[in-house]
Amino acid sequence: MLQRAVFLDRDGTIAEDANYCQRPADLWVFPWAAEAIAVLNKAGLTVVVVTNQSGVARGYLTEETLAQIHQKMKDELTEHGAWVDAIYYCPHHPDDGCRCRKPGTDLFQRAAEELGLALAGSYVVGDREMDILAGQAIGCQTVLVETGPLPWTPNGTRPDHRALTLYEAAHWILGRERLSTQ
């Protein structure tokens, strides 16, 4: 049986959007993120980070530095009893036309195949329209968090839920999970 997942954006959702986080010292995990992810972990949901990282294509950082940044994030989460099951990232420039850059869905499809995930019934949480569009394209429920640097301008796109933080989003997801098991 395929597992349901919560796909999380990194910048503006788990951590402050540092405008091209270029080194581990630039990553600042929101204080509520670990607790939110721990709640999802305890509920038995697979937690996957899917993030656009065009700073690699732009030459702001290398993939090795990106791996160090992600390791710092994982270490901080672990210190608080939380973990992510996998991290998928798009290193391409927005003009490259790749299908892995959100709102493209290739990274979500790859995660589903590699981790045995059911996209239907899963969730996508992010701070931008591209996150919501990607989630809708793969049939997930979507949550917009308001911790990103840009104000939400929906342009006709509507998430299933809006939350102030990832912590609030995690509790909404748990409520949905309880409803689906009744």
Foldseek 3Di string as FASTA:
>chain_A
DFAAAEEEEPDLAQFDNQPQQQALVSTGGPPCNLVLQQLCVVVVHAYEYEYERLCCVVVSYHVVRVVVNVVSSQVVSVVVVGHHPYYHYHNHDPVPPDQSHFVRAPRVVVCCVVVRHDLAAYEYEEAAPSRQSSSVVSNHQYEHEPRYPDDDDQPPGDGNYYYPHSNRVSVVSVVVVVVVVD
